[in-house]
Protein backbone atom coordinates (compact mmCIF):
# COMPACT_ATOMS: atom_id res chain seq x y z
CA MET A 1 87.16 18.96 24.37
CA SER A 2 89.19 15.74 24.08
CA SER A 3 87.97 12.66 22.23
CA HIS A 4 87.75 10.81 25.56
CA GLU A 5 85.44 13.50 26.99
CA ILE A 6 83.31 13.43 23.84
CA LYS A 7 82.90 9.65 24.20
CA LEU A 8 81.92 10.02 27.88
CA GLN A 9 79.39 12.73 27.02
CA GLY A 10 77.94 10.60 24.22
CA ALA A 11 77.61 7.64 26.55
CA SER A 12 75.92 9.83 29.14
CA ASN A 13 73.44 11.16 26.57
CA ALA A 14 72.73 7.62 25.34
CA GLY A 15 72.12 6.51 28.91
CA ALA A 16 69.75 9.43 29.45
CA ARG A 17 67.82 8.43 26.33
CA LEU A 18 67.69 4.76 27.28
CA TRP A 19 66.63 5.31 30.90
CA PRO A 20 63.01 6.41 30.20
CA GLY A 21 62.49 3.36 28.01
CA PHE A 22 64.02 1.03 30.59
CA ARG A 23 61.95 2.64 33.36
CA LYS A 24 58.77 2.25 31.30
CA TYR A 25 59.64 -1.40 30.56
CA VAL A 26 60.15 -2.18 34.24
CA LEU A 27 57.03 -0.25 35.22
CA TYR A 28 54.74 -1.94 32.72
CA ASN A 29 56.22 -5.38 33.38
CA TYR A 30 56.10 -5.15 37.15
CA LEU A 31 53.94 -8.29 37.23
CA LEU A 32 56.92 -10.30 36.00
CA TRP A 33 59.12 -8.95 38.78
CA VAL A 34 56.43 -9.50 41.42
CA LEU A 35 55.89 -13.08 40.24
CA VAL A 36 59.64 -13.75 40.25
CA GLY A 37 59.87 -12.21 43.72
CA THR A 38 57.09 -14.41 45.09
CA ILE A 39 58.73 -17.50 43.60
CA VAL A 40 62.05 -16.57 45.24
CA LEU A 41 60.19 -16.00 48.51
CA GLY A 42 58.53 -19.39 48.21
CA THR A 43 61.87 -21.06 47.54
CA MET A 44 63.27 -19.47 50.69
CA ALA A 45 60.17 -20.41 52.68
CA SER A 46 60.18 -24.13 52.03
CA PRO A 47 62.31 -26.73 50.22
CA TYR A 48 59.06 -28.28 48.97
CA PHE A 49 57.98 -25.15 47.08
CA LEU A 50 59.80 -25.83 43.80
CA THR A 51 58.96 -29.52 43.67
CA THR A 52 57.08 -30.65 40.57
CA ARG A 53 54.12 -31.81 42.62
CA ASN A 54 53.75 -28.47 44.42
CA ILE A 55 54.08 -26.45 41.21
CA TRP A 56 51.30 -28.44 39.56
CA ASN A 57 49.20 -28.05 42.70
CA VAL A 58 49.64 -24.25 42.59
CA LEU A 59 48.77 -24.08 38.90
CA THR A 60 45.75 -26.36 39.34
CA PHE A 61 44.47 -24.27 42.24
CA ALA A 62 45.08 -21.07 40.27
CA ALA A 63 43.11 -22.43 37.30
CA VAL A 64 39.70 -21.87 38.90
CA VAL A 65 40.45 -18.32 40.05
CA SER A 66 42.18 -17.49 36.76
CA VAL A 67 39.19 -18.55 34.64
CA ILE A 68 36.87 -16.48 36.83
CA ALA A 69 39.35 -13.58 36.73
CA VAL A 70 39.29 -13.56 32.91
CA GLY A 71 35.50 -13.22 32.99
CA GLN A 72 35.78 -10.57 35.68
CA PHE A 73 38.30 -8.70 33.52
CA PHE A 74 35.81 -8.35 30.66
CA VAL A 75 33.38 -6.72 33.09
CA VAL A 76 35.96 -4.51 34.79
CA VAL A 77 37.43 -3.21 31.53
CA THR A 78 34.05 -1.59 30.79
CA GLY A 79 34.00 0.07 34.21
CA GLY A 80 31.70 -2.52 35.83
CA ILE A 81 32.10 -5.16 38.51
CA ASP A 82 30.61 -8.61 39.08
CA LEU A 83 30.09 -9.75 42.68
CA SER A 84 28.13 -12.85 41.70
CA VAL A 85 30.95 -14.91 40.17
CA GLY A 86 31.47 -17.20 43.19
CA SER A 87 27.77 -17.87 43.62
CA ILE A 88 27.38 -18.65 39.92
CA ALA A 89 30.26 -21.12 40.15
CA ALA A 90 28.63 -22.80 43.16
CA LEU A 91 25.27 -23.00 41.37
CA THR A 92 26.99 -24.62 38.40
CA THR A 93 28.53 -27.33 40.59
CA VAL A 94 25.12 -28.14 42.05
CA VAL A 95 23.31 -28.20 38.69
CA ALA A 96 25.90 -30.52 37.15
CA ALA A 97 25.99 -32.80 40.21
CA VAL A 98 22.20 -33.06 40.46
CA LEU A 99 21.84 -34.01 36.80
CA MET A 100 24.58 -36.65 36.94
CA LYS A 101 23.04 -38.07 40.12
CA ALA A 102 19.73 -38.31 38.24
CA GLY A 103 21.42 -40.40 35.55
CA TYR A 104 22.10 -37.82 32.84
CA PRO A 105 25.41 -38.19 30.97
CA ALA A 106 28.35 -35.89 31.74
CA PRO A 107 28.04 -33.82 28.51
CA VAL A 108 24.43 -32.95 29.33
CA ALA A 109 25.35 -32.00 32.91
CA ALA A 110 28.28 -29.85 31.77
CA ILE A 111 26.20 -28.04 29.13
CA ALA A 112 23.39 -27.48 31.64
CA GLY A 113 25.89 -25.98 34.09
CA LEU A 114 27.20 -23.62 31.42
CA VAL A 115 23.64 -22.64 30.47
CA ALA A 116 22.82 -21.90 34.12
CA GLY A 117 25.89 -19.71 34.48
CA GLY A 118 25.26 -17.97 31.18
CA ALA A 119 21.64 -17.30 32.21
CA CYS A 120 22.81 -15.67 35.45
CA GLY A 121 25.28 -13.54 33.52
CA ALA A 122 22.59 -12.57 31.01
CA ILE A 123 20.28 -11.49 33.83
CA ASN A 124 23.10 -9.38 35.26
CA GLY A 125 23.60 -7.75 31.88
CA ALA A 126 19.89 -7.11 31.44
CA LEU A 127 19.63 -5.52 34.90
CA VAL A 128 22.56 -3.22 34.16
CA VAL A 129 21.60 -2.31 30.58
CA LYS A 130 17.81 -2.45 30.49
CA ALA A 131 16.85 -1.75 34.11
CA ASN A 132 19.70 0.76 34.49
CA ILE A 133 20.74 -0.72 37.85
CA THR A 134 24.33 -0.09 38.91
CA PRO A 135 26.58 -3.15 38.42
CA PHE A 136 27.40 -3.33 42.12
CA VAL A 137 23.74 -3.60 43.15
CA ALA A 138 22.69 -5.85 40.26
CA THR A 139 25.45 -8.39 40.79
CA LEU A 140 25.12 -8.21 44.57
CA ALA A 141 21.48 -9.24 44.15
CA MET A 142 22.50 -12.03 41.76
CA MET A 143 25.09 -13.21 44.28
CA SER A 144 22.29 -13.81 46.76
CA ILE A 145 19.87 -15.25 44.18
CA ALA A 146 22.37 -17.73 42.71
CA ARG A 147 23.62 -18.89 46.12
CA GLY A 148 20.05 -19.28 47.41
CA THR A 149 18.99 -21.18 44.29
CA SER A 150 21.92 -23.56 44.69
CA TYR A 151 20.79 -24.26 48.28
CA MET A 152 17.28 -25.08 47.07
CA VAL A 153 18.44 -27.26 44.18
CA GLN A 154 20.87 -29.10 46.40
CA GLU A 155 18.21 -29.99 48.98
CA GLY A 156 20.46 -30.52 51.95
CA SER A 157 23.89 -32.17 51.95
CA LEU A 158 26.50 -31.97 49.21
CA ILE A 159 26.12 -34.17 46.14
CA SER A 160 28.95 -36.54 45.25
CA ILE A 161 30.17 -36.75 41.65
CA THR A 162 31.35 -40.19 40.52
CA ASP A 163 31.19 -39.84 36.72
CA ASP A 164 34.71 -40.67 35.49
CA ASN A 165 34.18 -38.88 32.18
CA PHE A 166 33.25 -35.61 33.87
CA ILE A 167 36.17 -35.85 36.30
CA GLY A 168 38.56 -36.69 33.47
CA TRP A 169 37.44 -33.76 31.32
CA PHE A 170 37.75 -31.10 33.99
CA ALA A 171 40.25 -32.52 36.51
CA GLY A 172 42.24 -35.14 34.63
CA LYS A 173 45.51 -34.82 32.73
CA ILE A 174 46.59 -34.28 29.14
CA GLY A 175 49.95 -35.99 29.21
CA PRO A 176 51.75 -34.63 32.28
CA VAL A 177 49.71 -31.40 32.32
CA PRO A 178 46.56 -31.19 34.48
CA THR A 179 43.43 -30.44 32.45
CA PRO A 180 42.51 -27.34 34.54
CA VAL A 181 45.85 -25.76 33.57
CA VAL A 182 45.18 -26.42 29.88
CA ILE A 183 41.68 -24.97 30.20
CA PHE A 184 42.76 -21.72 31.85
CA LEU A 185 45.61 -21.25 29.36
CA VAL A 186 43.21 -21.71 26.43
CA VAL A 187 40.69 -19.31 28.01
CA MET A 188 43.46 -16.76 28.58
CA LEU A 189 44.75 -16.96 25.01
CA ILE A 190 41.27 -16.66 23.51
CA ALA A 191 40.50 -13.65 25.71
CA ALA A 192 43.85 -12.04 24.84
CA TYR A 193 43.15 -12.49 21.13
CA VAL A 194 39.66 -11.01 21.48
CA MET A 195 40.91 -7.94 23.35
CA ARG A 196 43.91 -7.28 21.08
CA GLU A 197 42.76 -8.31 17.62
CA THR A 198 38.98 -7.88 17.38
CA THR A 199 36.64 -4.95 17.03
CA PHE A 200 34.73 -6.16 20.07
CA GLY A 201 37.82 -5.90 22.25
CA ARG A 202 38.64 -2.40 21.04
CA ARG A 203 35.07 -1.35 21.72
CA LEU A 204 35.31 -2.59 25.30
CA TYR A 205 38.45 -0.51 25.91
CA ALA A 206 36.73 2.52 24.38
CA ILE A 207 33.61 2.07 26.51
CA GLY A 208 35.68 1.71 29.66
CA GLY A 209 37.71 4.79 28.77
CA ASN A 210 34.70 7.03 28.09
CA ARG A 211 31.25 5.51 27.89
CA GLU A 212 29.43 8.66 26.83
CA ALA A 213 31.89 9.42 24.05
CA SER A 214 31.57 5.83 22.86
CA ARG A 215 27.80 6.15 22.78
CA LEU A 216 27.95 9.41 20.86
CA SER A 217 30.37 7.78 18.41
CA GLY A 218 27.73 5.20 17.57
CA LEU A 219 29.18 2.21 19.37
CA PRO A 220 26.64 -0.39 20.60
CA VAL A 221 27.38 0.32 24.26
CA GLY A 222 24.41 -1.54 25.69
CA GLN A 223 25.04 -4.62 23.58
CA CYS A 224 28.72 -4.72 24.57
CA ILE A 225 27.99 -4.32 28.28
CA PHE A 226 25.36 -7.07 28.14
CA SER A 227 27.90 -9.31 26.41
CA VAL A 228 30.60 -8.89 29.06
CA TYR A 229 28.25 -9.95 31.86
CA LEU A 230 27.22 -12.95 29.76
CA ILE A 231 30.91 -13.80 29.29
CA GLY A 232 31.48 -13.38 33.02
CA GLY A 233 28.66 -15.81 33.79
CA LEU A 234 29.99 -18.41 31.33
CA ALA A 235 33.52 -18.09 32.70
CA SER A 236 32.24 -18.55 36.25
CA ALA A 237 30.26 -21.60 35.15
CA LEU A 238 33.33 -23.12 33.49
CA ALA A 239 35.32 -22.51 36.69
CA GLY A 240 32.50 -24.16 38.62
CA LEU A 241 32.75 -27.28 36.46
CA ILE A 242 36.51 -27.44 37.13
CA LEU A 243 35.94 -26.99 40.85
CA ALA A 244 33.23 -29.68 40.93
CA ALA A 245 35.51 -32.16 39.16
CA GLN A 246 38.46 -31.35 41.43
CA LEU A 247 36.44 -31.88 44.61
CA ASN A 248 34.18 -34.62 43.19
CA GLN A 249 31.12 -32.84 44.54
CA GLY A 250 28.53 -30.19 43.95
CA SER A 251 27.74 -27.91 46.86
CA SER A 252 26.22 -24.52 47.50
CA LEU A 253 29.08 -23.84 49.95
CA LEU A 254 31.78 -23.91 47.29
CA ALA A 255 33.55 -20.89 45.75
CA GLN A 256 32.90 -18.59 48.69
CA GLY A 257 35.18 -15.57 48.59
CA TYR A 258 36.02 -16.04 44.92
CA GLU A 259 34.54 -12.61 44.26
CA LEU A 260 37.40 -11.03 46.20
CA ASP A 261 39.96 -13.36 44.65
CA SER A 262 38.90 -12.56 41.08
CA ILE A 263 38.77 -8.81 41.68
CA ALA A 264 42.16 -8.98 43.40
CA ALA A 265 43.61 -10.92 40.45
CA VAL A 266 42.29 -8.35 37.96
CA VAL A 267 43.56 -5.38 39.96
CA VAL A 268 46.93 -6.94 40.77
CA GLY A 269 47.12 -7.80 37.06
CA GLY A 270 47.18 -4.11 36.17
CA ALA A 271 43.56 -3.32 35.31
CA SER A 272 41.87 -0.21 36.66
CA LEU A 273 38.48 -0.52 38.31
CA ALA A 274 37.61 2.71 36.49
CA GLY A 275 37.78 0.71 33.24
CA GLY A 276 39.57 1.12 29.94
CA SER A 277 42.88 -0.59 30.79
CA GLY A 278 44.51 -3.92 31.49
CA ALA A 279 44.78 -7.26 29.71
CA PRO A 280 43.46 -10.80 30.28
CA ILE A 281 47.01 -12.12 30.57
CA GLY A 282 47.57 -9.64 33.39
CA ALA A 283 44.48 -10.93 35.18
CA VAL A 284 45.78 -14.50 34.94
CA ALA A 285 49.21 -13.37 36.13
CA GLY A 286 47.53 -11.67 39.07
CA GLY A 287 45.71 -14.91 39.84
CA LEU A 288 49.02 -16.81 39.73
CA ILE A 289 50.65 -14.32 42.10
CA ILE A 290 47.77 -14.71 44.56
CA ALA A 291 47.94 -18.51 44.24
CA VAL A 292 51.69 -18.54 44.86
CA LEU A 293 51.33 -16.29 47.90
CA GLY A 294 48.53 -18.50 49.20
CA ASN A 295 50.70 -21.56 48.71
CA ILE A 296 53.58 -19.93 50.59
CA MET A 297 51.28 -19.06 53.48
CA ASN A 298 49.94 -22.62 53.49
CA LEU A 299 53.51 -23.93 53.65
CA TYR A 300 53.99 -21.65 56.65
CA GLN A 301 50.72 -23.15 58.01
CA LEU A 302 49.03 -19.76 58.34
CA SER A 303 45.27 -19.80 58.91
CA SER A 304 42.80 -18.27 56.48
CA GLU A 305 42.39 -15.04 58.46
CA PRO A 306 45.96 -13.74 57.93
CA GLN A 307 45.70 -14.77 54.29
CA MET A 308 42.65 -12.51 53.89
CA VAL A 309 44.65 -9.64 55.41
CA VAL A 310 47.50 -10.24 52.96
CA LYS A 311 45.08 -10.25 50.00
CA GLY A 312 43.60 -6.93 51.13
CA ILE A 313 47.04 -5.35 51.49
CA LEU A 314 48.01 -6.71 48.08
CA ILE A 315 44.99 -5.02 46.47
CA ILE A 316 45.86 -1.67 48.10
CA ILE A 317 49.49 -1.87 46.94
CA ALA A 318 48.43 -2.85 43.41
CA VAL A 319 45.95 0.03 43.14
CA MET A 320 48.56 2.50 44.41
CA PHE A 321 51.14 1.17 41.96
CA ILE A 322 48.77 1.34 39.00
CA SER A 323 47.71 4.85 39.98
CA GLY A 324 51.34 5.86 40.32
CA SER A 325 52.14 4.59 36.85
CA GLY A 326 49.28 6.56 35.37
CA GLN A 327 47.52 3.51 34.01
CA GLY A 328 43.80 3.63 33.86
CA SER A 329 43.40 5.94 36.80
CA GLY A 330 41.38 8.46 34.87
CA ARG A 331 43.84 11.15 35.95
CA LYS A 332 46.84 12.74 34.36
CA SER A 333 49.03 11.84 37.32
CA GLY A 334 48.87 9.28 40.08
CA TRP A 335 49.82 9.33 43.73
CA ALA A 336 53.52 8.90 42.96
CA ASP A 337 53.53 11.86 40.57
CA ASN A 338 51.59 13.99 43.03
CA LEU A 339 54.08 13.16 45.80
CA LYS A 340 57.00 13.95 43.52
CA ASN A 341 55.46 17.30 42.54
CA ALA A 342 54.76 18.15 46.17
CA LEU A 343 58.35 17.41 47.20
CA GLY A 344 59.61 19.43 44.25
CA GLY A 345 57.51 22.39 45.38
CA LEU A 346 58.90 22.14 48.92
CA ARG A 347 62.47 22.11 47.61
CA LYS A 348 61.77 25.15 45.43
CA ARG A 349 60.31 27.11 48.36
CA GLY A 350 63.28 26.10 50.50
CA ALA A 351 65.69 27.33 47.85
CA ASP A 352 63.86 30.65 47.64
C-alpha cells in the first residue's frame, strides 16, 4: 500500500470517527438550527423583520411565555403538567390591578400578585401529592378556579393600571433593553443553575426518570413535586405582572391559551412530557421559536386560527424529533430508529 493510500485511509477512518460526534452535536443542538431557520424565514418574509424595533417587540412578547415556560419546565421534568398557568397569570393581573386601584402602592400589589400565584401553585402541589390526584385533573380544576376567581374579583370590566412605578418595573427599560427581556433572562439563568448545579435539580431529573426508584432511594419525592408546582405558580404570577404592566390593565380575559404556548415551548425546547429530560434554556429557546414564528405570521397578516394550527403541527414535529433522538422518550429507540430497523429488515429479506 502506497503512502498516498495510507493517508486516504487514515483520513477516511478519522472522518468515520468524527461523524458520530458531529451528528450528535447537530442532533442535540437542533434548537439552534431551527431558530436560525426561523430567523432566515422571517428575513425573507418581510424587510421589517430584522429591524431593531421588531426584534425588541418579539423578545418582549416572548418574555411572558418564556417565564411561564420555565415554570412549566420544572413541572414537566418530574413527569407532570400544569394546565392552570394562564389562569394564574390572569388572576395575578386582576389582584395587582385591584389593589393599585384601591390605593395600595405598587410593591404591595406586586407582592400580593406573587402570593396569589404561589398559593394557586401550592394548592396544585397539595392536590397532586397529598390528595393523590393526577396532575392533569388537579391543574385543570385549578384552571377553572383561578379564572373564575379572577372574574369575581374583577367585578365586571377590566381594571386600568396607571401606577408609573409598576409599569416601569415590569414593562420599562434598563438602558436600551426592555425590562421584560431582562426578567426572563434572569429567570432562565437562575433555573439553569438550579437544574445543573444543585441537588434539588438533580433530584427532579431523577424523579422524572423513575419516580418509584427515586422513592425507594430515599429521595423526598413528595416534597420535590410540591415544590415544582409552587415554582410554576410563582413563575405564572411573575409573567402575569409583566403582562399587566405591558397592557396597563388587569383582566380575567388575559393569558388565554398560554397553557398551550408554555407546553409547546417546553416540548419544542427538547423536554419529554414523560419527564426526566430537557433544560430551562431549551424551554426559553422553544418560546423564542414560537414567538418568532408568530411574528412572521403576523407580518403575513395571518389570523389566529392558522397560527393555532401551526403551533399544533410544531408540537407534533418536536415530539417526533425528540423521540427519534432517543431523548426522554422512555424507550431505547424512537420512531426514527424503529423506521430504520424496519427498512433494514426489508432489505435483508429482499437480499435473501
